[in-house]
Amino acid sequence: MTHIARKRFGQNFLHDYGVISNIISSIEAKPNDHWIEIGPGQGALTEPLLEQGVRLDVVELDRDLVVLLKDKFKHHDNITIHSADALRFDFSALSAGEKLRVVGNLPYNISTPLMFHLLEHADCIDDMFFMLQKEVVNRICAQPNSKQYGRLSVMMQYYCATECLFDVPPESFDPIPKVMSAIVRLVPHIQPPVQVNDLAKLNTVVTTAFSQRRKTLRNSLKKLIDEQTMVELGIDPTARAENISLAEFAKLSNTIEDAPATI
C-alpha cells in the first residue's frame, strides 16, 4: 500500500536507517517498557521498537495510515493502534499506574501545543524523545542571555530536564522538509526545580516579558510588578526578558497577587 504524504497533517516520513538506528540506540528501550509512539507514519520507528520487546501504543490521526499500520503489524501482539488526535488523547488512561515512555516524529505545526498537552500527564511519563524542527529544539534547550531563549525555554525547563541529542538532516525524510531537524530528550522533573506558587502567574509573567523582549523589565512588566519590587528581589529592572533565569521568573511571579488570564 502506497501512502502519499499529506501537507495538512504535516507529514514527512523518516526513511534514513542510520538515523533510525541512532534513535533506537539513544532511547535505550528495554523489554516490557511501555512506550507510546505519536505519529508513527508508516512504521519506520515502530518496527525496530517492537523488536526491542516493548509494549507499544501508537497514536495516529491519519485514518489511511491507521489501516496501513494495522495491516503491517497484524501479526504483532504487543502493539495497540489508536486512531486518534494526539492533541486530545488521554495519555494517562494508558499508564495503569506505571510510567510511560514517549517517542514521536511530531508534525512541526502542532509540536509545541502537543508537548504541553503531554506535560499535563507528566506524572505518568518517565521520559520523552521527539523529532522536532532544530530551531524549536534550540529554543527548548536555550539558556539565558541567548537569542534562542524565550517563553518556550522557560516553561519547558520548569517541567523538564532538556537535552538535544543529535541533528537530523532534511534528506532523511520523504518529502524533504526545508528545515533541519533534531532529536530532543525531555525528562519530567520529579520535583519542580523552583518554587512557583501559581503556574498561571508564571506563564503570564513569562509571556508578557517575552512579548516585548526588546523592552526592559521595568517597561514590559510595569502593569504586573513595580520597579521597587524587582530591586528588592535582586532583579535588575533594566534587564530584558532574555537575561532572566527560570528562578528569577519564579520570584517575579510569586510576588503577583492577582494575575490576568493566562495568555
Protein backbone atom coordinates (compact mmCIF):
# COMPACT_ATOMS: atom_id res chain seq x y z
CA MET A 1 0.00 0.00 0.00
CA THR A 2 1.46 3.36 -1.05
CA HIS A 3 0.73 6.41 1.06
CA ILE A 4 1.34 9.93 -0.23
CA ALA A 5 2.37 12.39 2.49
CA ARG A 6 -0.34 14.91 3.30
CA LYS A 7 0.64 18.51 3.89
CA ARG A 8 -2.39 19.20 6.10
CA PHE A 9 -1.10 16.61 8.58
CA GLY A 10 2.46 17.94 8.35
CA GLN A 11 3.71 14.54 7.19
CA ASN A 12 7.39 13.98 6.48
CA PHE A 13 8.27 10.30 6.69
CA LEU A 14 11.61 9.26 8.15
CA HIS A 15 13.42 6.74 5.94
CA ASP A 16 17.12 7.08 6.87
CA TYR A 17 18.14 3.77 8.51
CA GLY A 18 21.20 5.39 10.09
CA VAL A 19 19.03 7.98 11.86
CA ILE A 20 16.51 5.32 12.88
CA SER A 21 19.34 3.24 14.38
CA ASN A 22 20.66 6.29 16.28
CA ILE A 23 17.22 6.98 17.72
CA ILE A 24 16.77 3.37 18.85
CA SER A 25 20.25 3.43 20.46
CA SER A 26 19.57 6.76 22.18
CA ILE A 27 16.23 5.87 23.73
CA GLU A 28 17.56 2.62 25.28
CA ALA A 29 14.24 0.78 25.08
CA LYS A 30 14.08 -2.30 27.31
CA PRO A 31 11.86 -5.38 27.11
CA ASN A 32 8.49 -4.79 28.79
CA ASP A 33 8.89 -0.98 28.74
CA HIS A 34 5.54 0.62 27.93
CA TRP A 35 6.09 3.01 25.02
CA ILE A 36 3.77 5.48 23.33
CA GLU A 37 4.63 6.45 19.75
CA ILE A 38 2.97 9.60 18.45
CA GLY A 39 2.62 9.95 14.69
CA PRO A 40 4.09 6.58 13.67
CA GLY A 41 3.55 7.34 9.99
CA GLN A 42 4.42 4.23 8.00
CA GLY A 43 6.09 2.49 10.94
CA ALA A 44 9.76 3.41 10.42
CA LEU A 45 10.37 3.56 14.18
CA THR A 46 7.51 1.25 15.14
CA GLU A 47 9.10 -1.90 13.77
CA PRO A 48 12.53 -1.54 15.44
CA LEU A 49 10.80 -0.55 18.69
CA LEU A 50 8.77 -3.75 18.67
CA GLU A 51 11.99 -5.67 18.02
CA GLN A 52 13.20 -4.42 21.42
CA GLY A 53 10.38 -6.38 23.08
CA VAL A 54 8.44 -3.35 24.31
CA ARG A 55 4.71 -2.95 24.76
CA LEU A 56 3.64 -0.25 22.33
CA ASP A 57 0.65 2.04 21.90
CA VAL A 58 0.71 4.19 18.77
CA VAL A 59 -1.47 7.25 18.20
CA GLU A 60 -2.12 8.18 14.56
CA LEU A 61 -4.50 10.82 13.23
CA ASP A 62 -4.48 9.84 9.53
CA ARG A 63 -7.05 7.07 9.09
CA ASP A 64 -5.41 5.79 5.93
CA LEU A 65 -2.18 5.29 7.86
CA VAL A 66 -4.10 3.52 10.62
CA VAL A 67 -5.29 0.99 8.03
CA LEU A 68 -1.73 0.60 6.72
CA LEU A 69 -0.31 0.12 10.23
CA LYS A 70 -2.96 -2.40 11.25
CA ASP A 71 -2.15 -4.47 8.20
CA LYS A 72 1.62 -4.13 8.61
CA PHE A 73 1.61 -5.17 12.26
CA LYS A 74 -1.32 -7.59 12.30
CA HIS A 75 0.91 -10.44 13.48
CA HIS A 76 2.34 -8.49 16.44
CA ASP A 77 0.70 -8.98 19.83
CA ASN A 78 2.50 -6.16 21.66
CA ILE A 79 1.05 -3.23 19.73
CA THR A 80 -2.21 -1.30 20.08
CA ILE A 81 -3.05 1.21 17.34
CA HIS A 82 -5.20 4.20 18.30
CA SER A 83 -6.92 6.16 15.55
CA ALA A 84 -6.96 9.48 17.40
CA ASP A 85 -5.79 13.08 17.61
CA ALA A 86 -2.80 13.20 19.98
CA LEU A 87 -3.73 16.78 20.96
CA ARG A 88 -6.91 15.43 22.55
CA PHE A 89 -5.71 11.99 23.62
CA ASP A 90 -5.83 10.97 27.30
CA PHE A 91 -2.34 9.55 27.76
CA SER A 92 -2.89 8.95 31.48
CA ALA A 93 -5.52 6.34 30.61
CA LEU A 94 -2.75 4.12 29.20
CA SER A 95 -0.50 4.13 32.25
CA ALA A 96 -2.38 1.87 34.71
CA GLY A 97 -0.10 3.16 37.46
CA GLU A 98 3.12 2.57 35.51
CA LYS A 99 5.47 5.07 33.91
CA LEU A 100 5.16 5.61 30.17
CA ARG A 101 7.96 6.37 27.74
CA VAL A 102 7.10 8.50 24.71
CA VAL A 103 8.65 8.89 21.27
CA GLY A 104 7.47 10.70 18.17
CA ASN A 105 8.26 12.50 14.94
CA LEU A 106 5.96 15.41 15.72
CA PRO A 107 4.35 17.50 12.95
CA TYR A 108 6.04 20.89 13.15
CA ASN A 109 2.74 22.79 13.08
CA ILE A 110 1.46 21.23 16.33
CA SER A 111 4.68 20.31 18.15
CA THR A 112 4.55 22.97 20.88
CA PRO A 113 0.88 22.55 21.92
CA LEU A 114 1.30 18.78 21.77
CA MET A 115 4.29 18.82 24.11
CA PHE A 116 2.40 20.98 26.61
CA HIS A 117 -0.59 18.63 26.35
CA LEU A 118 1.71 15.72 27.21
CA LEU A 119 3.06 17.65 30.18
CA GLU A 120 -0.46 17.69 31.60
CA HIS A 121 0.14 13.94 32.03
CA ALA A 122 3.76 14.34 33.24
CA ASP A 123 3.15 12.43 36.48
CA CYS A 124 2.83 9.19 34.50
CA ILE A 125 5.64 9.85 31.99
CA ASP A 126 9.22 8.71 32.53
CA ASP A 127 10.83 10.40 29.53
CA MET A 128 10.07 11.69 26.02
CA PHE A 129 12.08 11.70 22.80
CA PHE A 130 10.89 13.92 19.96
CA MET A 131 11.98 14.71 16.44
CA LEU A 132 11.38 18.44 16.04
CA GLN A 133 12.48 21.34 13.91
CA LYS A 134 16.04 22.12 15.08
CA GLU A 135 15.08 25.73 15.74
CA VAL A 136 12.43 24.53 18.21
CA VAL A 137 14.89 22.16 19.94
CA ASN A 138 17.37 25.04 20.26
CA ARG A 139 14.67 27.16 21.89
CA ILE A 140 13.64 24.39 24.27
CA CYS A 141 17.24 23.88 25.45
CA ALA A 142 18.37 27.54 25.34
CA GLN A 143 19.89 29.24 28.38
CA PRO A 144 19.53 32.90 29.43
CA ASN A 145 21.46 35.56 27.51
CA SER A 146 20.94 33.90 24.14
CA LYS A 147 18.71 34.86 21.21
CA GLN A 148 17.01 31.44 21.24
CA TYR A 149 15.99 31.79 24.90
CA GLY A 150 12.29 32.59 25.26
CA ARG A 151 8.95 31.57 26.69
CA LEU A 152 9.29 28.00 25.40
CA SER A 153 12.71 27.66 27.10
CA VAL A 154 11.47 28.87 30.48
CA MET A 155 8.20 26.95 30.59
CA MET A 156 9.62 23.69 29.21
CA GLN A 157 12.56 23.80 31.61
CA TYR A 158 10.17 24.33 34.51
CA TYR A 159 8.58 20.98 33.66
CA CYS A 160 11.54 19.00 32.28
CA ALA A 161 15.25 18.46 32.07
CA THR A 162 16.03 19.09 28.40
CA GLU A 163 18.80 17.76 26.15
CA CYS A 164 19.46 17.99 22.42
CA LEU A 165 20.77 14.58 21.33
CA PHE A 166 21.65 14.98 17.64
CA ASP A 167 20.68 16.70 14.40
CA VAL A 168 18.77 15.05 11.56
CA PRO A 169 19.32 16.43 8.02
CA PRO A 170 16.38 17.16 5.68
CA GLU A 171 17.29 14.37 3.25
CA SER A 172 16.44 11.82 5.96
CA PHE A 173 12.76 12.40 5.17
CA ASP A 174 10.33 11.98 2.32
CA PRO A 175 9.17 14.51 1.29
CA ILE A 176 12.29 16.52 2.13
CA PRO A 177 11.45 19.40 4.52
CA LYS A 178 13.01 22.82 4.14
CA VAL A 179 14.46 22.79 7.66
CA MET A 180 16.98 20.87 9.73
CA SER A 181 15.54 18.62 12.44
CA ALA A 182 16.90 17.41 15.77
CA ILE A 183 16.12 14.87 18.47
CA VAL A 184 15.37 16.24 21.95
CA ARG A 185 15.11 14.29 25.20
CA LEU A 186 12.70 15.61 27.83
CA VAL A 187 12.64 14.14 31.34
CA PRO A 188 9.80 15.45 33.57
CA HIS A 189 11.11 16.69 36.91
CA ILE A 190 10.03 14.63 39.92
CA GLN A 191 10.11 17.90 41.87
CA PRO A 192 9.98 21.30 40.10
CA PRO A 193 13.43 22.96 40.05
CA VAL A 194 11.98 26.18 41.51
CA GLN A 195 9.07 27.06 43.76
CA VAL A 196 6.15 28.51 41.82
CA ASN A 197 3.04 29.42 43.78
CA ASP A 198 0.78 29.68 40.74
CA LEU A 199 1.66 28.37 37.28
CA ALA A 200 -0.84 30.71 35.62
CA LYS A 201 1.04 33.67 37.10
CA LEU A 202 4.40 32.32 35.96
CA ASN A 203 3.03 31.88 32.44
CA THR A 204 1.60 35.41 32.50
CA VAL A 205 4.89 36.98 33.61
CA VAL A 206 6.97 34.99 31.11
CA THR A 207 4.57 35.58 28.21
CA THR A 208 4.29 39.30 28.96
CA ALA A 209 8.05 39.76 29.27
CA PHE A 210 8.88 37.94 26.03
CA SER A 211 6.05 39.50 24.02
CA GLN A 212 8.08 42.73 24.30
CA ARG A 213 11.51 41.16 24.59
CA ARG A 214 13.44 44.26 23.48
CA LYS A 215 11.95 46.28 26.32
CA THR A 216 13.45 46.32 29.82
CA LEU A 217 11.56 44.50 32.56
CA ARG A 218 10.76 47.90 34.07
CA ASN A 219 8.68 48.66 30.97
CA SER A 220 7.43 45.26 29.83
CA LEU A 221 6.18 44.20 33.28
CA LYS A 222 5.11 47.59 34.66
CA LYS A 223 1.42 46.58 34.76
CA LEU A 224 2.28 43.50 36.81
CA ILE A 225 5.26 44.32 39.05
CA ASP A 226 6.68 47.67 40.16
CA GLU A 227 10.35 48.53 39.82
CA GLN A 228 11.00 48.67 43.57
CA THR A 229 9.75 45.10 43.99
CA MET A 230 12.17 43.94 41.29
CA VAL A 231 15.06 45.64 43.10
CA GLU A 232 14.03 44.04 46.41
CA LEU A 233 14.08 40.63 44.70
CA GLY A 234 17.61 41.29 43.45
CA ILE A 235 16.49 41.54 39.83
CA ASP A 236 17.77 44.37 37.64
CA PRO A 237 14.77 46.35 36.26
CA THR A 238 16.90 47.41 33.27
CA ALA A 239 17.46 43.77 32.23
CA ARG A 240 15.48 42.23 29.40
CA ALA A 241 13.48 39.01 29.39
CA GLU A 242 16.28 37.06 27.70
CA ASN A 243 18.58 37.86 30.65
CA ILE A 244 16.28 36.40 33.31
CA SER A 245 16.60 32.83 34.60
CA LEU A 246 13.77 30.46 35.43
CA ALA A 247 14.48 31.00 39.14
CA GLU A 248 14.17 34.78 38.70
CA PHE A 249 10.94 34.47 36.70
CA ALA A 250 9.61 32.30 39.54
CA LYS A 251 10.48 35.03 42.08
CA LEU A 252 8.71 37.64 39.97
CA SER A 253 5.57 35.53 39.52
CA ASN A 254 5.38 34.74 43.24
CA THR A 255 5.05 38.43 44.07
CA ILE A 256 1.92 38.96 41.96
CA GLU A 257 -1.30 38.95 43.95
CA ASP A 258 -3.67 38.68 41.03
CA ALA A 259 -2.61 37.63 37.56
CA PRO A 260 -4.58 38.32 34.39
CA ALA A 261 -5.90 35.32 32.49
CA THR A 262 -3.17 33.09 31.02
CA ILE A 263 -2.23 34.18 27.53
